[in-house]
Amino acid sequence: MTKQVSSSPFLKPFFLKTPVRVVSPLQQRRHTLPASEFRNLTRQDAISVFEIEREAFVSVSGECPLTLDEVLNFLGQCPELSLGWFEEGQLVAFIIGSGWHKERLSQEAMTRHVPDTPTVHIHVLSVHRHCRQQGKGSILLWRYLQYLRCMPGLRRALLICEDFLVPFYLKAGFKEKGPSGISVSNMQFQEMEYMLNGQVYARRNSGC
């Protein structure tokens, strides 16, 4: 049989094939949650988001892309530009974005959401430590970009990343725009751009 997994209004439901088996009453409650779900984040998810982000980034760079207050701010102002991956109700990976209105990202873009603009600034993509090295980051990014392609008026996505992450984003279809003018604790970044009308991911029918 198939189990339909709910999603945001712009994400078509997908189905997970599960074997038919008898479930005891004691196990029934455990299986009322969808095995896997993609949805927009809310402010109620902020603590889980920040805990995953802090563990992922502080140990590597000593800095979080977003503070807890900034997470709460963006999830309050533009939750439609976020996407979380939940397994049995637990957040395992997420992306948070906001709107931006200029050609390049600036320091101001790190804390500001500009509504009704054609550009999305992707602030952070993070995966729970127990779910890394499983391809979840690539899968979530693919779903997020296809989700953005379905949103009227959006034309591109921008982000900054350290040099070692450039190949990851190139493989996802991003192009390098050159060194970023943004610095955090003396860390330098490359700015990357993804055109939402591009063809790199179009071959995987997004179902928009």
N, C-alpha and C. Protein backbone atom coordinates (compact mmCIF):
# COMPACT_ATOMS: atom_id res chain seq x y z
N MET A 1 0.85 -1.18 0.00
CA MET A 1 0.00 0.00 0.00
C MET A 1 0.88 1.23 0.00
N THR A 2 0.31 2.38 -0.18
CA THR A 2 1.10 3.61 -0.19
C THR A 2 0.60 4.55 0.87
N LYS A 3 1.50 5.34 1.39
CA LYS A 3 1.17 6.31 2.40
C LYS A 3 1.46 7.70 1.85
N GLN A 4 0.46 8.58 1.82
CA GLN A 4 0.66 9.91 1.27
C GLN A 4 1.31 10.80 2.31
N VAL A 5 2.33 11.51 1.92
CA VAL A 5 3.05 12.39 2.83
C VAL A 5 2.66 13.82 2.53
N SER A 6 2.20 14.54 3.54
CA SER A 6 1.77 15.91 3.33
C SER A 6 2.96 16.82 3.12
N SER A 7 2.72 17.97 2.49
CA SER A 7 3.78 18.92 2.23
C SER A 7 3.17 20.30 2.15
N SER A 8 4.01 21.32 1.87
CA SER A 8 3.50 22.67 1.74
C SER A 8 2.67 22.78 0.48
N PRO A 9 1.90 23.89 0.32
CA PRO A 9 1.01 24.02 -0.84
C PRO A 9 1.73 23.92 -2.18
N PHE A 10 3.02 24.27 -2.22
CA PHE A 10 3.74 24.25 -3.48
C PHE A 10 4.46 22.94 -3.73
N LEU A 11 4.48 22.05 -2.75
CA LEU A 11 5.17 20.78 -2.91
C LEU A 11 4.13 19.69 -3.12
N LYS A 12 4.20 19.02 -4.26
CA LYS A 12 3.24 17.96 -4.53
C LYS A 12 3.46 16.81 -3.55
N PRO A 13 2.40 16.19 -3.05
CA PRO A 13 2.57 15.03 -2.17
C PRO A 13 3.34 13.92 -2.89
N PHE A 14 4.15 13.23 -2.13
CA PHE A 14 4.82 12.08 -2.70
C PHE A 14 4.45 10.86 -1.87
N PHE A 15 4.74 9.68 -2.38
CA PHE A 15 4.27 8.46 -1.74
C PHE A 15 5.44 7.57 -1.39
N LEU A 16 5.34 6.98 -0.22
CA LEU A 16 6.35 6.03 0.22
C LEU A 16 5.75 4.65 0.18
N LYS A 17 6.39 3.73 -0.52
CA LYS A 17 5.90 2.36 -0.59
C LYS A 17 6.30 1.62 0.67
N THR A 18 5.35 1.05 1.35
CA THR A 18 5.63 0.31 2.57
C THR A 18 5.02 -1.07 2.47
N PRO A 19 5.67 -2.08 3.03
CA PRO A 19 5.12 -3.43 2.95
C PRO A 19 3.87 -3.54 3.80
N VAL A 20 2.95 -4.38 3.36
CA VAL A 20 1.73 -4.63 4.12
C VAL A 20 2.07 -5.60 5.24
N ARG A 21 1.78 -5.20 6.47
CA ARG A 21 2.06 -6.08 7.60
C ARG A 21 1.11 -5.75 8.72
N VAL A 22 0.96 -6.68 9.63
CA VAL A 22 0.08 -6.49 10.77
C VAL A 22 0.82 -5.70 11.84
N VAL A 23 0.18 -4.63 12.36
CA VAL A 23 0.80 -3.80 13.38
C VAL A 23 0.03 -3.98 14.68
N SER A 24 0.74 -4.31 15.74
CA SER A 24 0.09 -4.51 17.03
C SER A 24 -0.41 -3.19 17.58
N PRO A 25 -1.41 -3.20 18.48
CA PRO A 25 -1.92 -1.96 19.07
C PRO A 25 -0.83 -1.13 19.73
N LEU A 26 0.18 -1.80 20.35
CA LEU A 26 1.24 -1.06 21.01
C LEU A 26 2.11 -0.31 20.02
N GLN A 27 2.19 -0.83 18.78
CA GLN A 27 3.01 -0.18 17.76
C GLN A 27 2.24 0.86 16.97
N GLN A 28 0.92 0.83 17.04
CA GLN A 28 0.11 1.68 16.18
C GLN A 28 0.41 3.15 16.36
N ARG A 29 0.49 3.61 17.60
CA ARG A 29 0.69 5.04 17.83
C ARG A 29 2.01 5.52 17.25
N ARG A 30 3.04 4.70 17.36
CA ARG A 30 4.35 5.06 16.85
C ARG A 30 4.32 5.32 15.35
N HIS A 31 3.40 4.65 14.65
CA HIS A 31 3.37 4.75 13.21
C HIS A 31 2.30 5.70 12.69
N THR A 32 1.75 6.55 13.58
CA THR A 32 0.79 7.55 13.11
C THR A 32 1.48 8.72 12.45
N LEU A 33 2.76 8.94 12.77
CA LEU A 33 3.52 10.01 12.13
C LEU A 33 4.04 9.54 10.77
N PRO A 34 4.08 10.46 9.78
CA PRO A 34 4.61 10.06 8.47
C PRO A 34 6.08 9.67 8.59
N ALA A 35 6.48 8.66 7.85
CA ALA A 35 7.87 8.22 7.91
C ALA A 35 8.81 9.33 7.47
N SER A 36 8.39 10.12 6.47
CA SER A 36 9.23 11.20 5.98
C SER A 36 8.34 12.31 5.46
N GLU A 37 8.64 13.55 5.85
CA GLU A 37 7.80 14.68 5.48
C GLU A 37 8.67 15.91 5.21
N PHE A 38 8.35 16.64 4.16
CA PHE A 38 8.99 17.92 3.86
C PHE A 38 7.93 19.01 4.04
N ARG A 39 8.25 20.02 4.83
CA ARG A 39 7.30 21.11 5.02
C ARG A 39 8.04 22.39 5.39
N ASN A 40 7.33 23.52 5.26
CA ASN A 40 7.88 24.79 5.71
C ASN A 40 8.03 24.76 7.23
N LEU A 41 9.04 25.45 7.71
CA LEU A 41 9.28 25.53 9.14
C LEU A 41 8.42 26.62 9.78
N THR A 42 8.19 26.51 11.08
CA THR A 42 7.48 27.52 11.84
C THR A 42 8.36 27.95 13.02
N ARG A 43 7.91 28.98 13.70
CA ARG A 43 8.67 29.43 14.88
C ARG A 43 8.75 28.33 15.95
N GLN A 44 7.79 27.42 15.96
CA GLN A 44 7.82 26.32 16.93
C GLN A 44 8.97 25.35 16.65
N ASP A 45 9.52 25.40 15.44
CA ASP A 45 10.65 24.54 15.09
C ASP A 45 11.99 25.18 15.41
N ALA A 46 12.00 26.43 15.88
CA ALA A 46 13.23 27.21 15.99
C ALA A 46 14.27 26.56 16.90
N ILE A 47 13.86 26.01 18.02
CA ILE A 47 14.84 25.40 18.93
C ILE A 47 15.52 24.21 18.27
N SER A 48 14.75 23.35 17.62
CA SER A 48 15.34 22.19 16.93
C SER A 48 16.29 22.66 15.83
N VAL A 49 15.87 23.69 15.10
CA VAL A 49 16.71 24.25 14.03
C VAL A 49 18.04 24.73 14.61
N PHE A 50 17.96 25.51 15.67
CA PHE A 50 19.18 26.10 16.23
C PHE A 50 20.10 25.05 16.82
N GLU A 51 19.55 24.02 17.44
CA GLU A 51 20.40 22.97 18.01
C GLU A 51 21.17 22.24 16.92
N ILE A 52 20.51 21.94 15.79
CA ILE A 52 21.20 21.27 14.68
C ILE A 52 22.25 22.19 14.10
N GLU A 53 21.89 23.45 13.89
CA GLU A 53 22.82 24.43 13.31
C GLU A 53 24.04 24.62 14.20
N ARG A 54 23.81 24.79 15.49
CA ARG A 54 24.92 25.04 16.42
C ARG A 54 25.90 23.88 16.43
N GLU A 55 25.37 22.66 16.49
CA GLU A 55 26.26 21.50 16.51
C GLU A 55 27.06 21.38 15.21
N ALA A 56 26.42 21.71 14.08
CA ALA A 56 27.06 21.55 12.79
C ALA A 56 28.14 22.59 12.53
N PHE A 57 27.89 23.82 12.94
CA PHE A 57 28.79 24.91 12.55
C PHE A 57 29.79 25.33 13.61
N VAL A 58 29.38 25.36 14.87
CA VAL A 58 30.29 25.84 15.91
C VAL A 58 31.52 24.97 16.02
N SER A 59 31.34 23.66 15.86
CA SER A 59 32.48 22.75 15.97
C SER A 59 33.47 22.92 14.82
N VAL A 60 32.99 23.46 13.69
CA VAL A 60 33.85 23.62 12.51
C VAL A 60 34.43 25.03 12.41
N SER A 61 33.55 26.02 12.50
CA SER A 61 33.99 27.40 12.28
C SER A 61 33.90 28.28 13.52
N GLY A 62 33.24 27.79 14.56
CA GLY A 62 33.09 28.60 15.76
C GLY A 62 31.96 29.60 15.69
N GLU A 63 31.26 29.66 14.55
CA GLU A 63 30.18 30.62 14.36
C GLU A 63 28.95 29.93 13.79
N CYS A 64 27.76 30.38 14.22
CA CYS A 64 26.51 29.94 13.61
C CYS A 64 26.11 30.95 12.54
N PRO A 65 25.64 30.48 11.37
CA PRO A 65 25.14 31.42 10.37
C PRO A 65 24.02 32.31 10.91
N LEU A 66 23.16 31.73 11.74
CA LEU A 66 22.04 32.47 12.32
C LEU A 66 21.99 32.25 13.83
N THR A 67 21.73 33.33 14.57
CA THR A 67 21.48 33.20 16.00
C THR A 67 20.05 32.70 16.18
N LEU A 68 19.71 32.29 17.40
CA LEU A 68 18.35 31.84 17.66
C LEU A 68 17.35 32.96 17.38
N ASP A 69 17.68 34.19 17.77
CA ASP A 69 16.78 35.32 17.50
C ASP A 69 16.58 35.52 16.01
N GLU A 70 17.64 35.33 15.22
CA GLU A 70 17.53 35.50 13.77
C GLU A 70 16.71 34.37 13.16
N VAL A 71 16.87 33.15 13.68
CA VAL A 71 16.03 32.03 13.22
C VAL A 71 14.57 32.37 13.46
N LEU A 72 14.25 32.81 14.67
CA LEU A 72 12.87 33.17 15.01
C LEU A 72 12.37 34.29 14.11
N ASN A 73 13.22 35.25 13.84
CA ASN A 73 12.84 36.38 13.00
C ASN A 73 12.49 35.94 11.58
N PHE A 74 13.35 35.14 10.97
CA PHE A 74 13.11 34.71 9.59
C PHE A 74 11.91 33.75 9.51
N LEU A 75 11.77 32.88 10.49
CA LEU A 75 10.63 31.95 10.45
C LEU A 75 9.32 32.68 10.73
N GLY A 76 9.41 33.86 11.34
CA GLY A 76 8.23 34.68 11.53
C GLY A 76 7.89 35.51 10.31
N GLN A 77 8.93 36.03 9.64
CA GLN A 77 8.72 36.93 8.50
C GLN A 77 8.51 36.20 7.18
N CYS A 78 9.25 35.12 6.96
CA CYS A 78 9.19 34.45 5.65
C CYS A 78 9.31 32.94 5.81
N PRO A 79 8.38 32.31 6.52
CA PRO A 79 8.43 30.85 6.67
C PRO A 79 8.33 30.11 5.35
N GLU A 80 7.71 30.74 4.35
CA GLU A 80 7.56 30.10 3.04
C GLU A 80 8.90 29.92 2.33
N LEU A 81 9.95 30.58 2.80
CA LEU A 81 11.28 30.43 2.20
C LEU A 81 12.16 29.47 3.01
N SER A 82 11.53 28.68 3.85
CA SER A 82 12.24 27.64 4.60
C SER A 82 11.71 26.28 4.19
N LEU A 83 12.49 25.25 4.48
CA LEU A 83 12.05 23.88 4.23
C LEU A 83 12.72 22.96 5.23
N GLY A 84 11.92 22.14 5.90
CA GLY A 84 12.46 21.17 6.84
C GLY A 84 12.15 19.75 6.40
N TRP A 85 13.04 18.85 6.71
CA TRP A 85 12.85 17.42 6.44
C TRP A 85 12.66 16.75 7.79
N PHE A 86 11.51 16.13 7.97
CA PHE A 86 11.16 15.47 9.22
C PHE A 86 11.03 13.97 8.99
N GLU A 87 11.57 13.19 9.92
CA GLU A 87 11.41 11.74 9.90
C GLU A 87 10.77 11.33 11.22
N GLU A 88 9.56 10.72 11.11
CA GLU A 88 8.77 10.35 12.29
C GLU A 88 8.64 11.52 13.26
N GLY A 89 8.41 12.71 12.69
CA GLY A 89 8.17 13.90 13.49
C GLY A 89 9.40 14.64 13.97
N GLN A 90 10.59 14.10 13.72
CA GLN A 90 11.83 14.73 14.18
C GLN A 90 12.53 15.44 13.03
N LEU A 91 12.96 16.67 13.26
CA LEU A 91 13.69 17.42 12.24
C LEU A 91 15.06 16.81 12.02
N VAL A 92 15.38 16.49 10.76
CA VAL A 92 16.69 15.90 10.47
C VAL A 92 17.54 16.79 9.56
N ALA A 93 16.91 17.74 8.85
CA ALA A 93 17.66 18.64 7.98
C ALA A 93 16.77 19.83 7.66
N PHE A 94 17.38 20.96 7.35
CA PHE A 94 16.58 22.15 7.07
C PHE A 94 17.36 23.15 6.22
N ILE A 95 16.61 24.04 5.59
CA ILE A 95 17.14 25.20 4.87
C ILE A 95 16.32 26.41 5.30
N ILE A 96 16.98 27.53 5.52
CA ILE A 96 16.29 28.79 5.81
C ILE A 96 16.75 29.84 4.81
N GLY A 97 15.80 30.51 4.18
CA GLY A 97 16.09 31.57 3.24
C GLY A 97 15.32 32.83 3.57
N SER A 98 15.66 33.91 2.87
CA SER A 98 14.93 35.17 3.00
C SER A 98 14.99 35.90 1.67
N GLY A 99 14.19 36.94 1.53
CA GLY A 99 14.19 37.70 0.30
C GLY A 99 15.31 38.74 0.25
N TRP A 100 15.81 39.00 -0.95
CA TRP A 100 16.88 39.99 -1.13
C TRP A 100 16.63 40.75 -2.43
N HIS A 101 17.13 42.00 -2.51
CA HIS A 101 16.75 42.88 -3.62
C HIS A 101 17.91 43.43 -4.43
N LYS A 102 19.14 43.03 -4.13
CA LYS A 102 20.29 43.57 -4.85
C LYS A 102 21.00 42.45 -5.62
N GLU A 103 21.89 42.85 -6.54
CA GLU A 103 22.59 41.89 -7.39
C GLU A 103 23.50 40.98 -6.58
N ARG A 104 24.19 41.54 -5.60
CA ARG A 104 25.10 40.76 -4.75
C ARG A 104 24.65 40.84 -3.30
N LEU A 105 25.05 39.85 -2.54
CA LEU A 105 24.76 39.85 -1.11
C LEU A 105 25.71 40.78 -0.38
N SER A 106 25.21 41.44 0.65
CA SER A 106 26.03 42.32 1.48
C SER A 106 25.84 41.92 2.94
N GLN A 107 26.59 42.57 3.83
CA GLN A 107 26.47 42.27 5.25
C GLN A 107 25.03 42.45 5.74
N GLU A 108 24.34 43.41 5.16
CA GLU A 108 22.95 43.67 5.53
C GLU A 108 22.06 42.47 5.25
N ALA A 109 22.39 41.71 4.21
CA ALA A 109 21.56 40.56 3.81
C ALA A 109 21.57 39.45 4.85
N MET A 110 22.56 39.47 5.74
CA MET A 110 22.68 38.40 6.72
C MET A 110 21.57 38.43 7.76
N THR A 111 20.95 39.58 7.96
CA THR A 111 19.95 39.71 9.01
C THR A 111 18.64 40.31 8.52
N ARG A 112 18.51 40.57 7.21
CA ARG A 112 17.33 41.28 6.71
C ARG A 112 16.53 40.44 5.71
N HIS A 113 15.23 40.53 5.81
CA HIS A 113 14.33 39.95 4.80
C HIS A 113 13.67 41.07 4.02
N VAL A 114 13.81 41.04 2.70
CA VAL A 114 13.16 42.02 1.83
C VAL A 114 12.03 41.31 1.10
N PRO A 115 10.78 41.62 1.40
CA PRO A 115 9.66 40.90 0.79
C PRO A 115 9.44 41.29 -0.67
N ASP A 116 8.74 40.42 -1.39
CA ASP A 116 8.32 40.69 -2.78
C ASP A 116 9.49 41.00 -3.69
N THR A 117 10.53 40.19 -3.60
CA THR A 117 11.71 40.36 -4.46
C THR A 117 11.96 39.06 -5.23
N PRO A 118 12.67 39.13 -6.37
CA PRO A 118 12.89 37.93 -7.18
C PRO A 118 14.06 37.06 -6.74
N THR A 119 14.75 37.46 -5.67
CA THR A 119 15.95 36.74 -5.22
C THR A 119 15.75 36.16 -3.83
N VAL A 120 16.15 34.91 -3.66
CA VAL A 120 16.16 34.27 -2.34
C VAL A 120 17.60 34.16 -1.86
N HIS A 121 17.84 34.61 -0.66
CA HIS A 121 19.14 34.42 -0.02
C HIS A 121 19.06 33.19 0.86
N ILE A 122 19.80 32.14 0.54
CA ILE A 122 19.84 30.93 1.35
C ILE A 122 20.86 31.14 2.46
N HIS A 123 20.37 31.25 3.69
CA HIS A 123 21.25 31.53 4.83
C HIS A 123 21.98 30.28 5.31
N VAL A 124 21.26 29.18 5.39
CA VAL A 124 21.86 28.00 6.00
C VAL A 124 21.18 26.73 5.50
N LEU A 125 21.98 25.72 5.28
CA LEU A 125 21.54 24.35 5.03
C LEU A 125 22.28 23.50 6.05
N SER A 126 21.55 22.75 6.84
CA SER A 126 22.20 21.94 7.88
C SER A 126 21.49 20.61 8.05
N VAL A 127 22.28 19.58 8.40
CA VAL A 127 21.77 18.22 8.59
C VAL A 127 22.15 17.74 9.98
N HIS A 128 21.22 17.06 10.64
CA HIS A 128 21.48 16.51 11.97
C HIS A 128 22.70 15.59 11.93
N ARG A 129 23.49 15.61 12.99
CA ARG A 129 24.75 14.85 13.00
C ARG A 129 24.56 13.36 12.78
N HIS A 130 23.42 12.81 13.20
CA HIS A 130 23.18 11.37 13.03
C HIS A 130 22.72 11.02 11.61
N CYS A 131 22.49 12.03 10.79
CA CYS A 131 21.96 11.79 9.44
C CYS A 131 22.91 12.25 8.35
N ARG A 132 24.14 12.58 8.69
CA ARG A 132 25.09 13.05 7.68
C ARG A 132 25.70 11.89 6.93
N GLN A 133 26.34 12.22 5.82
CA GLN A 133 26.97 11.23 4.95
C GLN A 133 25.94 10.25 4.39
N GLN A 134 24.70 10.71 4.24
CA GLN A 134 23.64 9.88 3.67
C GLN A 134 23.01 10.55 2.44
N GLY A 135 23.57 11.67 2.02
CA GLY A 135 23.03 12.37 0.86
C GLY A 135 21.83 13.24 1.17
N LYS A 136 21.50 13.41 2.43
CA LYS A 136 20.30 14.18 2.77
C LYS A 136 20.44 15.66 2.41
N GLY A 137 21.63 16.21 2.55
CA GLY A 137 21.83 17.61 2.20
C GLY A 137 21.55 17.87 0.73
N SER A 138 22.05 16.98 -0.14
CA SER A 138 21.82 17.13 -1.58
C SER A 138 20.35 16.97 -1.93
N ILE A 139 19.69 15.99 -1.31
CA ILE A 139 18.28 15.75 -1.58
C ILE A 139 17.43 16.94 -1.15
N LEU A 140 17.69 17.44 0.06
CA LEU A 140 16.93 18.58 0.56
C LEU A 140 17.15 19.81 -0.32
N LEU A 141 18.39 20.06 -0.72
CA LEU A 141 18.67 21.22 -1.57
C LEU A 141 17.93 21.09 -2.90
N TRP A 142 17.93 19.88 -3.48
CA TRP A 142 17.21 19.67 -4.74
C TRP A 142 15.72 19.98 -4.57
N ARG A 143 15.11 19.45 -3.51
CA ARG A 143 13.69 19.70 -3.29
C ARG A 143 13.41 21.18 -3.06
N TYR A 144 14.29 21.84 -2.34
CA TYR A 144 14.11 23.27 -2.06
C TYR A 144 14.17 24.09 -3.34
N LEU A 145 15.14 23.81 -4.18
CA LEU A 145 15.26 24.56 -5.44
C LEU A 145 14.07 24.32 -6.35
N GLN A 146 13.58 23.09 -6.39
CA GLN A 146 12.39 22.82 -7.19
C GLN A 146 11.16 23.52 -6.61
N TYR A 147 11.10 23.57 -5.29
CA TYR A 147 10.03 24.29 -4.61
C TYR A 147 10.06 25.78 -4.99
N LEU A 148 11.26 26.38 -4.97
CA LEU A 148 11.38 27.79 -5.34
C LEU A 148 10.98 28.03 -6.79
N ARG A 149 11.30 27.08 -7.66
CA ARG A 149 10.94 27.21 -9.08
C ARG A 149 9.43 27.30 -9.27
N CYS A 150 8.67 26.76 -8.33
CA CYS A 150 7.21 26.76 -8.42
C CYS A 150 6.59 28.02 -7.85
N MET A 151 7.39 28.86 -7.21
CA MET A 151 6.85 30.06 -6.57
C MET A 151 6.87 31.23 -7.55
N PRO A 152 5.72 31.85 -7.81
CA PRO A 152 5.65 32.96 -8.77
C PRO A 152 6.58 34.11 -8.39
N GLY A 153 7.28 34.62 -9.39
CA GLY A 153 8.09 35.81 -9.19
C GLY A 153 9.53 35.57 -8.80
N LEU A 154 9.87 34.37 -8.36
CA LEU A 154 11.26 34.11 -7.98
C LEU A 154 12.10 33.78 -9.20
N ARG A 155 13.29 34.34 -9.26
CA ARG A 155 14.16 34.16 -10.42
C ARG A 155 15.49 33.50 -10.11
N ARG A 156 15.98 33.66 -8.88
CA ARG A 156 17.30 33.10 -8.57
C ARG A 156 17.47 32.95 -7.07
N ALA A 157 18.50 32.17 -6.71
CA ALA A 157 18.89 31.99 -5.31
C ALA A 157 20.36 32.33 -5.17
N LEU A 158 20.71 33.00 -4.08
CA LEU A 158 22.10 33.35 -3.79
C LEU A 158 22.49 32.77 -2.44
N LEU A 159 23.78 32.48 -2.29
CA LEU A 159 24.31 32.07 -0.99
C LEU A 159 25.80 32.35 -0.96
N ILE A 160 26.35 32.31 0.24
CA ILE A 160 27.80 32.38 0.38
C ILE A 160 28.25 31.10 1.09
N CYS A 161 29.45 30.65 0.75
CA CYS A 161 29.98 29.44 1.38
C CYS A 161 31.50 29.49 1.39
N GLU A 162 32.09 28.67 2.23
CA GLU A 162 33.55 28.56 2.26
C GLU A 162 34.02 27.77 1.04
N ASP A 163 35.30 27.92 0.73
CA ASP A 163 35.85 27.34 -0.49
C ASP A 163 35.62 25.83 -0.58
N PHE A 164 35.71 25.13 0.56
CA PHE A 164 35.61 23.67 0.49
C PHE A 164 34.20 23.20 0.13
N LEU A 165 33.19 24.09 0.23
CA LEU A 165 31.82 23.73 -0.12
C LEU A 165 31.46 24.11 -1.55
N VAL A 166 32.33 24.82 -2.23
CA VAL A 166 32.04 25.24 -3.61
C VAL A 166 31.72 24.05 -4.51
N PRO A 167 32.49 22.95 -4.50
CA PRO A 167 32.15 21.80 -5.37
C PRO A 167 30.76 21.23 -5.10
N PHE A 168 30.33 21.21 -3.84
CA PHE A 168 29.00 20.72 -3.50
C PHE A 168 27.93 21.55 -4.21
N TYR A 169 28.06 22.87 -4.16
CA TYR A 169 27.04 23.73 -4.77
C TYR A 169 27.17 23.77 -6.29
N LEU A 170 28.38 23.64 -6.80
CA LEU A 170 28.52 23.54 -8.26
C LEU A 170 27.79 22.31 -8.79
N LYS A 171 27.93 21.20 -8.08
CA LYS A 171 27.25 19.96 -8.48
C LYS A 171 25.74 20.12 -8.44
N ALA A 172 25.26 20.99 -7.55
CA ALA A 172 23.82 21.23 -7.43
C ALA A 172 23.29 22.19 -8.48
N GLY A 173 24.19 22.76 -9.29
CA GLY A 173 23.74 23.66 -10.36
C GLY A 173 24.02 25.12 -10.13
N PHE A 174 24.67 25.46 -9.02
CA PHE A 174 25.04 26.85 -8.76
C PHE A 174 26.24 27.25 -9.61
N LYS A 175 26.39 28.55 -9.81
CA LYS A 175 27.54 29.12 -10.51
C LYS A 175 28.26 30.07 -9.56
N GLU A 176 29.56 30.17 -9.71
CA GLU A 176 30.34 31.08 -8.87
C GLU A 176 30.19 32.51 -9.36
N LYS A 177 29.95 33.43 -8.42
CA LYS A 177 29.91 34.85 -8.73
C LYS A 177 31.18 35.55 -8.27
N GLY A 178 32.05 34.83 -7.60
CA GLY A 178 33.30 35.41 -7.15
C GLY A 178 33.34 35.60 -5.64
N PRO A 179 34.46 36.11 -5.14
CA PRO A 179 34.59 36.31 -3.70
C PRO A 179 33.50 37.23 -3.17
N SER A 180 33.01 36.88 -1.98
CA SER A 180 31.96 37.68 -1.35
C SER A 180 32.59 38.81 -0.55
N GLY A 181 31.86 39.92 -0.48
CA GLY A 181 32.30 41.03 0.35
C GLY A 181 31.96 40.85 1.81
N ILE A 182 31.29 39.73 2.14
CA ILE A 182 30.88 39.45 3.51
C ILE A 182 31.98 38.68 4.22
N SER A 183 32.28 39.07 5.43
CA SER A 183 33.24 38.31 6.24
C SER A 183 32.66 38.12 7.64
N VAL A 184 32.94 36.96 8.21
CA VAL A 184 32.50 36.64 9.56
C VAL A 184 33.70 36.09 10.32
N SER A 185 34.11 36.80 11.38
CA SER A 185 35.26 36.35 12.18
C SER A 185 36.47 36.04 11.30
N ASN A 186 36.75 36.93 10.35
CA ASN A 186 37.90 36.81 9.44
C ASN A 186 37.78 35.64 8.47
N MET A 187 36.61 35.01 8.39
CA MET A 187 36.39 33.94 7.41
C MET A 187 35.99 34.57 6.08
N GLN A 188 36.53 34.03 5.00
CA GLN A 188 36.23 34.52 3.66
C GLN A 188 35.30 33.54 2.94
N PHE A 189 34.45 34.07 2.05
CA PHE A 189 33.44 33.25 1.40
C PHE A 189 33.40 33.50 -0.10
N GLN A 190 32.87 32.50 -0.81
CA GLN A 190 32.54 32.64 -2.21
C GLN A 190 31.04 32.84 -2.34
N GLU A 191 30.62 33.68 -3.27
CA GLU A 191 29.20 33.87 -3.51
C GLU A 191 28.77 32.98 -4.68
N MET A 192 27.63 32.30 -4.51
CA MET A 192 27.12 31.35 -5.50
C MET A 192 25.72 31.76 -5.92
N GLU A 193 25.39 31.47 -7.18
CA GLU A 193 24.08 31.86 -7.73
C GLU A 193 23.45 30.68 -8.46
N TYR A 194 22.15 30.51 -8.25
CA TYR A 194 21.38 29.48 -8.97
C TYR A 194 20.22 30.17 -9.66
N MET A 195 20.15 30.03 -10.99
CA MET A 195 19.04 30.60 -11.74
C MET A 195 17.88 29.61 -11.73
N LEU A 196 16.74 30.06 -11.24
CA LEU A 196 15.62 29.15 -11.04
C LEU A 196 14.93 28.74 -12.33
N ASN A 197 15.27 29.38 -13.43
CA ASN A 197 14.75 28.94 -14.73
C ASN A 197 15.78 28.12 -15.48
N GLY A 198 16.83 27.66 -14.76
CA GLY A 198 17.89 26.89 -15.39
C GLY A 198 17.45 25.47 -15.70
N GLN A 199 18.35 24.73 -16.36
CA GLN A 199 18.01 23.38 -16.82
C GLN A 199 18.73 22.28 -16.05
N VAL A 200 19.62 22.65 -15.13
CA VAL A 200 20.45 21.64 -14.49
C VAL A 200 19.62 20.60 -13.78
N TYR A 201 18.62 21.04 -13.03
CA TYR A 201 17.79 20.09 -12.29
C TYR A 201 16.48 19.79 -12.98
N ALA A 202 16.21 20.46 -14.09
CA ALA A 202 14.92 20.29 -14.75
C ALA A 202 14.72 18.86 -15.25
N ARG A 203 15.83 18.15 -15.49
CA ARG A 203 15.71 16.79 -16.02
C ARG A 203 15.08 15.85 -15.00
N ARG A 204 15.16 16.19 -13.70
CA ARG A 204 14.42 15.43 -12.70
C ARG A 204 13.06 16.09 -12.57
N ASN A 205 12.10 15.59 -13.27
CA ASN A 205 10.79 16.23 -13.35
C ASN A 205 10.31 16.68 -11.97
N SER A 206 10.19 17.99 -11.79
CA SER A 206 9.84 18.52 -10.48
C SER A 206 8.36 18.39 -10.18
N GLY A 207 7.53 18.20 -11.20
CA GLY A 207 6.11 18.04 -10.97
C GLY A 207 5.41 19.30 -10.58
N CYS A 208 5.96 20.46 -10.96
CA CYS A 208 5.31 21.73 -10.61
C CYS A 208 3.97 21.83 -11.28
